[in-house]
Amino acid sequence: MLVAFALMALTLLLAQPAVTLPPDEDVAAAKDWLVRVQRLSFATDREYCGYLGHTADGAILVTEMVRGGHDGCTPAMPDSQVSLIASLHSHGAYDPDVPAEFPTSRDMESDAREGVNGYISTPGGRLWYIDSTAMIAVQVCGLGCLPQDPAFHPGDDGAIRSRYTHDGLRMLEIPD
């Protein structure tokens, strides 16, 4: 009985919410947009952001990119006829003192508040997808799948997992 209870408790602790993966065409549109933004983001050392949505007739729409700051960006809201799907943003240029190879808990919280999912590109060229309902970030593709900052040095952010929960991201952000 005690062993069965312990196994059940361990299963609950290890269980993670299921992630709803986006349609391939949404991933492709986000990736295309972020490929264009990456080099600009590295050159200016700024985040860039926007939205992915669907028009009234169901076509995929990506909004105009907005230049943000070193550690944040607020995209312009599109026309009310656009059904928002996800936020899009780059994590700027490589900085050895700023962990940027994974989303932040703030990235996830912002998407959840807006009721959208999210896509994030990193200086190392990773693409992340945030399921803001499950509060899980999943690495869509790894190092170099998007343009990589020439100054990038792999390993500075430690081992990068393929997925993180909101609580897992918060734990990474706690200073040593």
N, C-alpha and C. Protein backbone atom coordinates (compact mmCIF):
# COMPACT_ATOMS: atom_id res chain seq x y z
N MET A 1 0.83 -1.19 0.00
CA MET A 1 0.00 0.00 0.00
C MET A 1 0.87 1.25 0.00
N LEU A 2 1.87 1.30 0.86
CA LEU A 2 2.76 2.45 0.94
C LEU A 2 3.54 2.62 -0.36
N VAL A 3 3.99 1.50 -0.95
CA VAL A 3 4.72 1.56 -2.21
C VAL A 3 3.81 2.10 -3.31
N ALA A 4 2.57 1.65 -3.35
CA ALA A 4 1.62 2.12 -4.37
C ALA A 4 1.37 3.62 -4.21
N PHE A 5 1.23 4.09 -2.98
CA PHE A 5 1.02 5.51 -2.73
C PHE A 5 2.24 6.31 -3.17
N ALA A 6 3.44 5.82 -2.86
CA ALA A 6 4.67 6.50 -3.23
C ALA A 6 4.80 6.57 -4.76
N LEU A 7 4.47 5.50 -5.45
CA LEU A 7 4.52 5.51 -6.91
C LEU A 7 3.51 6.49 -7.50
N MET A 8 2.32 6.56 -6.91
CA MET A 8 1.32 7.48 -7.40
C MET A 8 1.79 8.93 -7.17
N ALA A 9 2.35 9.21 -6.02
CA ALA A 9 2.84 10.55 -5.72
C ALA A 9 3.97 10.94 -6.68
N LEU A 10 4.88 9.99 -6.95
CA LEU A 10 5.98 10.25 -7.87
C LEU A 10 5.45 10.51 -9.28
N THR A 11 4.47 9.76 -9.70
CA THR A 11 3.86 9.94 -11.02
C THR A 11 3.24 11.34 -11.13
N LEU A 12 2.54 11.78 -10.09
CA LEU A 12 1.94 13.11 -10.11
C LEU A 12 3.00 14.21 -10.14
N LEU A 13 4.09 14.01 -9.44
CA LEU A 13 5.16 14.99 -9.42
C LEU A 13 5.85 15.10 -10.78
N LEU A 14 6.03 13.96 -11.44
CA LEU A 14 6.73 13.95 -12.70
C LEU A 14 5.84 14.29 -13.89
N ALA A 15 4.53 14.16 -13.70
CA ALA A 15 3.61 14.44 -14.80
C ALA A 15 3.64 15.93 -15.14
N GLN A 16 3.64 16.20 -16.43
CA GLN A 16 3.58 17.58 -16.88
C GLN A 16 2.35 17.72 -17.76
N PRO A 17 1.75 18.88 -17.75
CA PRO A 17 0.59 19.07 -18.60
C PRO A 17 0.93 18.80 -20.07
N ALA A 18 -0.03 18.30 -20.80
CA ALA A 18 0.17 18.05 -22.22
C ALA A 18 0.25 19.38 -22.96
N VAL A 19 1.16 19.45 -23.89
CA VAL A 19 1.34 20.64 -24.70
C VAL A 19 0.57 20.45 -26.00
N THR A 20 -0.18 21.46 -26.38
CA THR A 20 -0.85 21.45 -27.67
C THR A 20 0.09 22.09 -28.67
N LEU A 21 0.67 21.29 -29.55
CA LEU A 21 1.61 21.82 -30.53
C LEU A 21 0.86 22.54 -31.64
N PRO A 22 1.45 23.61 -32.14
CA PRO A 22 0.78 24.42 -33.17
C PRO A 22 0.81 23.73 -34.53
N PRO A 23 -0.07 24.17 -35.43
CA PRO A 23 -0.04 23.64 -36.80
C PRO A 23 1.28 24.00 -37.49
N ASP A 24 1.73 23.13 -38.38
CA ASP A 24 3.00 23.34 -39.09
C ASP A 24 3.05 24.70 -39.80
N GLU A 25 1.91 25.13 -40.37
CA GLU A 25 1.92 26.40 -41.11
C GLU A 25 2.13 27.59 -40.17
N ASP A 26 1.66 27.49 -38.93
CA ASP A 26 1.90 28.56 -37.96
C ASP A 26 3.38 28.60 -37.57
N VAL A 27 3.96 27.41 -37.35
CA VAL A 27 5.39 27.34 -37.00
C VAL A 27 6.22 27.91 -38.15
N ALA A 28 5.88 27.55 -39.38
CA ALA A 28 6.63 28.04 -40.54
C ALA A 28 6.54 29.56 -40.65
N ALA A 29 5.36 30.12 -40.45
CA ALA A 29 5.20 31.58 -40.52
C ALA A 29 5.99 32.27 -39.42
N ALA A 30 5.94 31.73 -38.21
CA ALA A 30 6.71 32.31 -37.09
C ALA A 30 8.20 32.22 -37.38
N LYS A 31 8.64 31.08 -37.87
CA LYS A 31 10.06 30.88 -38.15
C LYS A 31 10.52 31.85 -39.25
N ASP A 32 9.75 31.99 -40.31
CA ASP A 32 10.11 32.92 -41.39
C ASP A 32 10.26 34.34 -40.85
N TRP A 33 9.31 34.77 -40.02
CA TRP A 33 9.35 36.12 -39.46
C TRP A 33 10.58 36.30 -38.57
N LEU A 34 10.84 35.31 -37.72
CA LEU A 34 11.96 35.41 -36.78
C LEU A 34 13.31 35.32 -37.49
N VAL A 35 13.40 34.59 -38.60
CA VAL A 35 14.64 34.56 -39.37
C VAL A 35 14.98 35.97 -39.82
N ARG A 36 14.00 36.71 -40.32
CA ARG A 36 14.23 38.09 -40.77
C ARG A 36 14.63 39.01 -39.61
N VAL A 37 14.06 38.78 -38.45
CA VAL A 37 14.28 39.65 -37.29
C VAL A 37 15.63 39.40 -36.61
N GLN A 38 16.11 38.17 -36.65
CA GLN A 38 17.32 37.81 -35.89
C GLN A 38 18.51 38.74 -36.16
N ARG A 39 18.89 38.90 -37.40
CA ARG A 39 20.10 39.70 -37.70
C ARG A 39 19.93 41.15 -37.27
N LEU A 40 18.75 41.68 -37.46
CA LEU A 40 18.46 43.05 -37.01
C LEU A 40 18.57 43.14 -35.49
N SER A 41 18.06 42.13 -34.82
CA SER A 41 18.11 42.07 -33.36
C SER A 41 19.57 42.03 -32.86
N PHE A 42 20.41 41.27 -33.56
CA PHE A 42 21.83 41.19 -33.16
C PHE A 42 22.53 42.52 -33.42
N ALA A 43 22.27 43.12 -34.56
CA ALA A 43 22.95 44.37 -34.95
C ALA A 43 22.60 45.53 -34.04
N THR A 44 21.37 45.56 -33.55
CA THR A 44 20.92 46.68 -32.72
C THR A 44 20.94 46.36 -31.23
N ASP A 45 21.17 45.09 -30.88
CA ASP A 45 21.12 44.62 -29.49
C ASP A 45 19.79 44.99 -28.84
N ARG A 46 18.72 44.75 -29.58
CA ARG A 46 17.37 45.01 -29.10
C ARG A 46 16.48 43.82 -29.41
N GLU A 47 15.43 43.66 -28.61
CA GLU A 47 14.40 42.69 -28.92
C GLU A 47 13.48 43.29 -29.98
N TYR A 48 12.93 42.44 -30.80
CA TYR A 48 11.90 42.83 -31.76
C TYR A 48 10.71 41.92 -31.54
N CYS A 49 9.51 42.47 -31.74
CA CYS A 49 8.32 41.67 -31.44
C CYS A 49 7.19 41.96 -32.40
N GLY A 50 6.21 41.10 -32.39
CA GLY A 50 5.03 41.23 -33.22
C GLY A 50 4.04 40.14 -32.86
N TYR A 51 3.07 39.92 -33.71
CA TYR A 51 2.05 38.89 -33.49
C TYR A 51 1.86 38.05 -34.74
N LEU A 52 1.43 36.84 -34.51
CA LEU A 52 0.98 35.92 -35.55
C LEU A 52 -0.52 35.79 -35.37
N GLY A 53 -1.27 35.90 -36.46
CA GLY A 53 -2.72 35.80 -36.36
C GLY A 53 -3.33 35.26 -37.63
N HIS A 54 -4.64 35.18 -37.62
CA HIS A 54 -5.41 34.79 -38.81
C HIS A 54 -6.34 35.94 -39.17
N THR A 55 -6.46 36.18 -40.46
CA THR A 55 -7.41 37.18 -40.94
C THR A 55 -8.81 36.57 -40.92
N ALA A 56 -9.82 37.38 -41.19
CA ALA A 56 -11.21 36.91 -41.18
C ALA A 56 -11.42 35.76 -42.17
N ASP A 57 -10.64 35.74 -43.27
CA ASP A 57 -10.80 34.65 -44.24
C ASP A 57 -9.90 33.46 -43.95
N GLY A 58 -9.19 33.48 -42.80
CA GLY A 58 -8.39 32.34 -42.38
C GLY A 58 -6.94 32.38 -42.81
N ALA A 59 -6.52 33.40 -43.54
CA ALA A 59 -5.12 33.50 -43.97
C ALA A 59 -4.23 33.85 -42.78
N ILE A 60 -3.00 33.34 -42.81
CA ILE A 60 -2.03 33.67 -41.76
C ILE A 60 -1.51 35.08 -41.98
N LEU A 61 -1.41 35.81 -40.90
CA LEU A 61 -0.93 37.19 -40.95
C LEU A 61 0.14 37.36 -39.88
N VAL A 62 1.23 38.01 -40.24
CA VAL A 62 2.26 38.36 -39.26
C VAL A 62 2.33 39.88 -39.24
N THR A 63 2.25 40.46 -38.07
CA THR A 63 2.22 41.93 -37.96
C THR A 63 3.60 42.52 -38.20
N GLU A 64 3.61 43.83 -38.34
CA GLU A 64 4.85 44.57 -38.49
C GLU A 64 5.69 44.39 -37.22
N MET A 65 7.01 44.30 -37.41
CA MET A 65 7.88 44.15 -36.25
C MET A 65 8.03 45.49 -35.53
N VAL A 66 8.13 45.41 -34.21
CA VAL A 66 8.31 46.58 -33.36
C VAL A 66 9.66 46.43 -32.65
N ARG A 67 10.43 47.50 -32.63
CA ARG A 67 11.72 47.49 -31.93
C ARG A 67 11.47 47.73 -30.45
N GLY A 68 12.02 46.86 -29.62
CA GLY A 68 11.89 46.99 -28.18
C GLY A 68 13.19 47.44 -27.56
N GLY A 69 13.38 47.07 -26.30
CA GLY A 69 14.59 47.42 -25.57
C GLY A 69 15.53 46.25 -25.44
N HIS A 70 16.46 46.35 -24.49
CA HIS A 70 17.42 45.27 -24.25
C HIS A 70 16.74 44.05 -23.64
N ASP A 71 15.69 44.27 -22.87
CA ASP A 71 15.08 43.14 -22.17
C ASP A 71 13.56 43.18 -22.19
N GLY A 72 13.00 43.62 -23.29
CA GLY A 72 11.55 43.63 -23.40
C GLY A 72 11.08 44.30 -24.66
N CYS A 73 9.84 44.01 -25.02
CA CYS A 73 9.26 44.57 -26.23
C CYS A 73 7.75 44.46 -26.12
N THR A 74 7.06 45.49 -26.54
CA THR A 74 5.59 45.48 -26.53
C THR A 74 5.10 45.61 -27.96
N PRO A 75 4.53 44.54 -28.52
CA PRO A 75 4.07 44.60 -29.91
C PRO A 75 2.83 45.48 -30.06
N ALA A 76 2.68 46.03 -31.25
CA ALA A 76 1.49 46.83 -31.56
C ALA A 76 0.33 45.87 -31.84
N MET A 77 -0.82 46.18 -31.28
CA MET A 77 -1.99 45.34 -31.51
C MET A 77 -2.46 45.51 -32.96
N PRO A 78 -2.74 44.40 -33.62
CA PRO A 78 -3.23 44.48 -35.00
C PRO A 78 -4.70 44.90 -35.05
N ASP A 79 -5.17 45.07 -36.24
CA ASP A 79 -6.56 45.38 -36.52
C ASP A 79 -7.47 44.40 -35.77
N SER A 80 -8.61 44.86 -35.34
CA SER A 80 -9.53 44.01 -34.57
C SER A 80 -10.08 42.85 -35.39
N GLN A 81 -9.92 42.88 -36.71
CA GLN A 81 -10.37 41.78 -37.56
C GLN A 81 -9.42 40.58 -37.52
N VAL A 82 -8.24 40.76 -36.91
CA VAL A 82 -7.24 39.70 -36.83
C VAL A 82 -7.46 38.88 -35.56
N SER A 83 -7.51 37.59 -35.73
CA SER A 83 -7.61 36.68 -34.59
C SER A 83 -6.19 36.30 -34.16
N LEU A 84 -5.76 36.80 -33.00
CA LEU A 84 -4.38 36.56 -32.54
C LEU A 84 -4.17 35.09 -32.17
N ILE A 85 -3.02 34.58 -32.57
CA ILE A 85 -2.64 33.20 -32.25
C ILE A 85 -1.47 33.19 -31.27
N ALA A 86 -0.45 34.00 -31.59
CA ALA A 86 0.78 33.94 -30.80
C ALA A 86 1.53 35.26 -30.87
N SER A 87 2.30 35.51 -29.82
CA SER A 87 3.26 36.60 -29.84
C SER A 87 4.53 36.07 -30.50
N LEU A 88 5.34 36.98 -31.01
CA LEU A 88 6.63 36.64 -31.60
C LEU A 88 7.65 37.61 -31.03
N HIS A 89 8.79 37.11 -30.58
CA HIS A 89 9.86 38.05 -30.22
C HIS A 89 11.22 37.39 -30.20
N SER A 90 12.21 38.24 -30.47
CA SER A 90 13.61 37.81 -30.41
C SER A 90 14.14 38.13 -29.01
N HIS A 91 15.20 37.45 -28.65
CA HIS A 91 15.84 37.73 -27.36
C HIS A 91 17.06 38.61 -27.50
N GLY A 92 17.24 39.27 -28.63
CA GLY A 92 18.31 40.24 -28.80
C GLY A 92 19.66 39.61 -29.06
N ALA A 93 20.70 40.40 -28.89
CA ALA A 93 22.07 39.98 -29.14
C ALA A 93 22.61 39.16 -27.98
N TYR A 94 23.64 38.39 -28.27
CA TYR A 94 24.30 37.58 -27.25
C TYR A 94 24.97 38.47 -26.21
N ASP A 95 24.78 38.13 -24.94
CA ASP A 95 25.44 38.79 -23.82
C ASP A 95 25.80 37.68 -22.84
N PRO A 96 27.09 37.46 -22.57
CA PRO A 96 27.47 36.34 -21.69
C PRO A 96 26.90 36.45 -20.28
N ASP A 97 26.46 37.64 -19.89
CA ASP A 97 25.93 37.83 -18.54
C ASP A 97 24.41 37.73 -18.46
N VAL A 98 23.75 37.51 -19.60
CA VAL A 98 22.29 37.44 -19.63
C VAL A 98 21.85 36.09 -20.20
N PRO A 99 21.25 35.24 -19.38
CA PRO A 99 20.76 33.97 -19.92
C PRO A 99 19.59 34.23 -20.88
N ALA A 100 19.78 33.88 -22.15
CA ALA A 100 18.76 34.19 -23.16
C ALA A 100 18.45 33.00 -24.06
N GLU A 101 18.96 31.82 -23.72
CA GLU A 101 18.75 30.66 -24.58
C GLU A 101 17.48 29.88 -24.27
N PHE A 102 16.67 30.42 -23.39
CA PHE A 102 15.37 29.83 -23.07
C PHE A 102 14.43 30.97 -22.74
N PRO A 103 13.12 30.73 -22.84
CA PRO A 103 12.16 31.79 -22.48
C PRO A 103 12.28 32.15 -21.00
N THR A 104 11.71 33.27 -20.64
CA THR A 104 11.65 33.66 -19.24
C THR A 104 10.25 33.40 -18.71
N SER A 105 10.12 33.34 -17.42
CA SER A 105 8.78 33.19 -16.83
C SER A 105 7.93 34.40 -17.20
N ARG A 106 8.55 35.56 -17.33
CA ARG A 106 7.83 36.77 -17.73
C ARG A 106 7.29 36.66 -19.15
N ASP A 107 8.07 36.03 -20.06
CA ASP A 107 7.59 35.78 -21.42
C ASP A 107 6.30 34.96 -21.37
N MET A 108 6.33 33.91 -20.57
CA MET A 108 5.20 33.00 -20.46
C MET A 108 3.99 33.70 -19.82
N GLU A 109 4.23 34.45 -18.78
CA GLU A 109 3.15 35.16 -18.08
C GLU A 109 2.49 36.20 -18.99
N SER A 110 3.29 36.89 -19.77
CA SER A 110 2.77 37.89 -20.69
C SER A 110 1.85 37.25 -21.73
N ASP A 111 2.28 36.12 -22.30
CA ASP A 111 1.44 35.41 -23.26
C ASP A 111 0.14 34.95 -22.61
N ALA A 112 0.23 34.42 -21.40
CA ALA A 112 -0.97 33.94 -20.70
C ALA A 112 -1.95 35.08 -20.45
N ARG A 113 -1.44 36.24 -20.03
CA ARG A 113 -2.30 37.42 -19.80
C ARG A 113 -3.02 37.84 -21.08
N GLU A 114 -2.32 37.76 -22.21
CA GLU A 114 -2.90 38.17 -23.48
C GLU A 114 -3.78 37.08 -24.11
N GLY A 115 -3.71 35.87 -23.57
CA GLY A 115 -4.50 34.78 -24.12
C GLY A 115 -3.98 34.26 -25.45
N VAL A 116 -2.67 34.37 -25.65
CA VAL A 116 -2.03 33.86 -26.87
C VAL A 116 -0.90 32.92 -26.48
N ASN A 117 -0.43 32.14 -27.44
CA ASN A 117 0.77 31.35 -27.24
C ASN A 117 1.94 32.23 -27.65
N GLY A 118 3.15 31.69 -27.75
CA GLY A 118 4.28 32.53 -28.10
C GLY A 118 5.38 31.78 -28.82
N TYR A 119 6.16 32.53 -29.59
CA TYR A 119 7.36 32.02 -30.25
C TYR A 119 8.50 32.96 -29.89
N ILE A 120 9.65 32.39 -29.55
CA ILE A 120 10.81 33.18 -29.14
C ILE A 120 12.05 32.64 -29.83
N SER A 121 12.86 33.56 -30.37
CA SER A 121 14.15 33.18 -30.95
C SER A 121 15.25 33.63 -30.00
N THR A 122 16.34 32.89 -29.99
CA THR A 122 17.45 33.18 -29.07
C THR A 122 18.71 33.55 -29.85
N PRO A 123 19.69 34.16 -29.17
CA PRO A 123 20.96 34.48 -29.84
C PRO A 123 21.66 33.24 -30.41
N GLY A 124 21.44 32.10 -29.81
CA GLY A 124 22.04 30.86 -30.31
C GLY A 124 21.29 30.25 -31.47
N GLY A 125 20.19 30.89 -31.88
CA GLY A 125 19.43 30.41 -33.03
C GLY A 125 18.40 29.35 -32.70
N ARG A 126 18.00 29.25 -31.44
CA ARG A 126 16.93 28.32 -31.06
C ARG A 126 15.56 28.96 -31.32
N LEU A 127 14.56 28.10 -31.52
CA LEU A 127 13.18 28.55 -31.62
C LEU A 127 12.38 27.84 -30.55
N TRP A 128 11.70 28.64 -29.72
CA TRP A 128 10.86 28.12 -28.64
C TRP A 128 9.40 28.41 -28.93
N TYR A 129 8.54 27.50 -28.46
CA TYR A 129 7.09 27.69 -28.53
C TYR A 129 6.55 27.65 -27.11
N ILE A 130 5.74 28.63 -26.75
CA ILE A 130 5.11 28.67 -25.43
C ILE A 130 3.63 28.33 -25.58
N ASP A 131 3.22 27.28 -24.90
CA ASP A 131 1.80 26.94 -24.77
C ASP A 131 1.35 27.62 -23.49
N SER A 132 0.65 28.74 -23.62
CA SER A 132 0.31 29.54 -22.44
C SER A 132 -0.86 28.98 -21.65
N THR A 133 -1.54 27.97 -22.18
CA THR A 133 -2.57 27.29 -21.40
C THR A 133 -1.93 26.28 -20.47
N ALA A 134 -1.01 25.47 -21.01
CA ALA A 134 -0.31 24.47 -20.20
C ALA A 134 0.83 25.09 -19.39
N MET A 135 1.23 26.33 -19.76
CA MET A 135 2.37 27.02 -19.14
C MET A 135 3.64 26.17 -19.27
N ILE A 136 3.88 25.76 -20.53
CA ILE A 136 5.05 24.96 -20.88
C ILE A 136 5.72 25.61 -22.09
N ALA A 137 7.04 25.66 -22.07
CA ALA A 137 7.83 26.10 -23.22
C ALA A 137 8.51 24.88 -23.82
N VAL A 138 8.40 24.74 -25.14
CA VAL A 138 8.98 23.61 -25.85
C VAL A 138 9.95 24.14 -26.90
N GLN A 139 11.14 23.56 -26.94
CA GLN A 139 12.12 23.94 -27.95
C GLN A 139 11.71 23.29 -29.27
N VAL A 140 11.33 24.12 -30.24
CA VAL A 140 10.90 23.63 -31.55
C VAL A 140 12.11 23.15 -32.34
N CYS A 141 13.18 23.93 -32.30
CA CYS A 141 14.43 23.51 -32.94
C CYS A 141 15.60 24.13 -32.19
N GLY A 142 16.73 23.45 -32.25
CA GLY A 142 17.87 23.80 -31.41
C GLY A 142 18.86 24.76 -32.04
N LEU A 143 20.05 24.79 -31.45
CA LEU A 143 21.11 25.70 -31.86
C LEU A 143 21.25 25.78 -33.37
N GLY A 144 21.25 27.00 -33.88
CA GLY A 144 21.51 27.23 -35.29
C GLY A 144 20.36 26.96 -36.24
N CYS A 145 19.18 26.64 -35.74
CA CYS A 145 18.06 26.43 -36.68
C CYS A 145 17.56 27.77 -37.20
N LEU A 146 17.84 28.84 -36.50
CA LEU A 146 17.61 30.21 -36.95
C LEU A 146 18.99 30.88 -36.99
N PRO A 147 19.11 32.03 -37.60
CA PRO A 147 20.41 32.71 -37.59
C PRO A 147 20.94 32.86 -36.16
N GLN A 148 22.25 32.71 -36.04
CA GLN A 148 22.92 32.74 -34.74
C GLN A 148 23.81 33.97 -34.67
N ASP A 149 23.80 34.65 -33.52
CA ASP A 149 24.67 35.81 -33.31
C ASP A 149 26.12 35.34 -33.47
N PRO A 150 26.92 36.02 -34.31
CA PRO A 150 28.32 35.61 -34.49
C PRO A 150 29.12 35.61 -33.18
N ALA A 151 28.71 36.41 -32.21
CA ALA A 151 29.41 36.47 -30.92
C ALA A 151 28.96 35.36 -29.96
N PHE A 152 27.93 34.62 -30.32
CA PHE A 152 27.36 33.61 -29.42
C PHE A 152 28.40 32.57 -29.02
N HIS A 153 28.37 32.21 -27.74
CA HIS A 153 29.25 31.17 -27.20
C HIS A 153 28.39 30.10 -26.56
N PRO A 154 28.30 28.91 -27.18
CA PRO A 154 27.46 27.85 -26.62
C PRO A 154 27.91 27.45 -25.21
N GLY A 155 26.96 27.11 -24.38
CA GLY A 155 27.25 26.60 -23.05
C GLY A 155 27.21 27.62 -21.94
N ASP A 156 27.21 28.90 -22.26
CA ASP A 156 27.22 29.92 -21.21
C ASP A 156 25.96 29.88 -20.34
N ASP A 157 24.85 29.41 -20.91
CA ASP A 157 23.60 29.33 -20.14
C ASP A 157 23.40 27.95 -19.53
N GLY A 158 24.45 27.14 -19.54
CA GLY A 158 24.36 25.79 -18.98
C GLY A 158 23.65 24.85 -19.95
N ALA A 159 23.27 23.70 -19.43
CA ALA A 159 22.55 22.72 -20.23
C ALA A 159 21.14 23.24 -20.49
N ILE A 160 20.71 23.18 -21.72
CA ILE A 160 19.38 23.67 -22.10
C ILE A 160 18.49 22.46 -22.35
N ARG A 161 17.39 22.40 -21.62
CA ARG A 161 16.43 21.30 -21.77
C ARG A 161 15.56 21.54 -22.99
N SER A 162 14.81 20.54 -23.38
CA SER A 162 13.93 20.67 -24.55
C SER A 162 12.57 21.25 -24.18
N ARG A 163 12.26 21.29 -22.89
CA ARG A 163 11.01 21.91 -22.44
C ARG A 163 11.14 22.35 -20.99
N TYR A 164 10.38 23.38 -20.65
CA TYR A 164 10.38 23.93 -19.29
C TYR A 164 8.95 24.27 -18.89
N THR A 165 8.66 24.04 -17.63
CA THR A 165 7.40 24.52 -17.07
C THR A 165 7.62 25.95 -16.59
N HIS A 166 6.54 26.63 -16.27
CA HIS A 166 6.64 27.97 -15.71
C HIS A 166 7.47 27.95 -14.43
N ASP A 167 7.19 27.00 -13.54
CA ASP A 167 7.95 26.90 -12.29
C ASP A 167 9.42 26.60 -12.57
N GLY A 168 9.70 25.77 -13.58
CA GLY A 168 11.08 25.46 -13.94
C GLY A 168 11.83 26.69 -14.41
N LEU A 169 11.17 27.54 -15.19
CA LEU A 169 11.80 28.79 -15.63
C LEU A 169 12.05 29.72 -14.45
N ARG A 170 11.08 29.80 -13.54
CA ARG A 170 11.25 30.66 -12.36
C ARG A 170 12.45 30.21 -11.53
N MET A 171 12.65 28.90 -11.43
CA MET A 171 13.80 28.37 -10.66
C MET A 171 15.12 28.78 -11.34
N LEU A 172 15.15 28.81 -12.69
CA LEU A 172 16.37 29.22 -13.40
C LEU A 172 16.70 30.69 -13.16
N GLU A 173 15.69 31.47 -12.86
CA GLU A 173 15.86 32.92 -12.71
C GLU A 173 16.27 33.34 -11.30
N ILE A 174 16.25 32.42 -10.37
CA ILE A 174 16.64 32.74 -9.00
C ILE A 174 18.15 32.87 -8.93
N PRO A 175 18.66 34.02 -8.51
CA PRO A 175 20.12 34.19 -8.45
C PRO A 175 20.74 33.23 -7.45
N ASP A 176 21.96 32.81 -7.80
CA ASP A 176 22.70 31.88 -6.90
C ASP A 176 23.06 32.54 -5.61
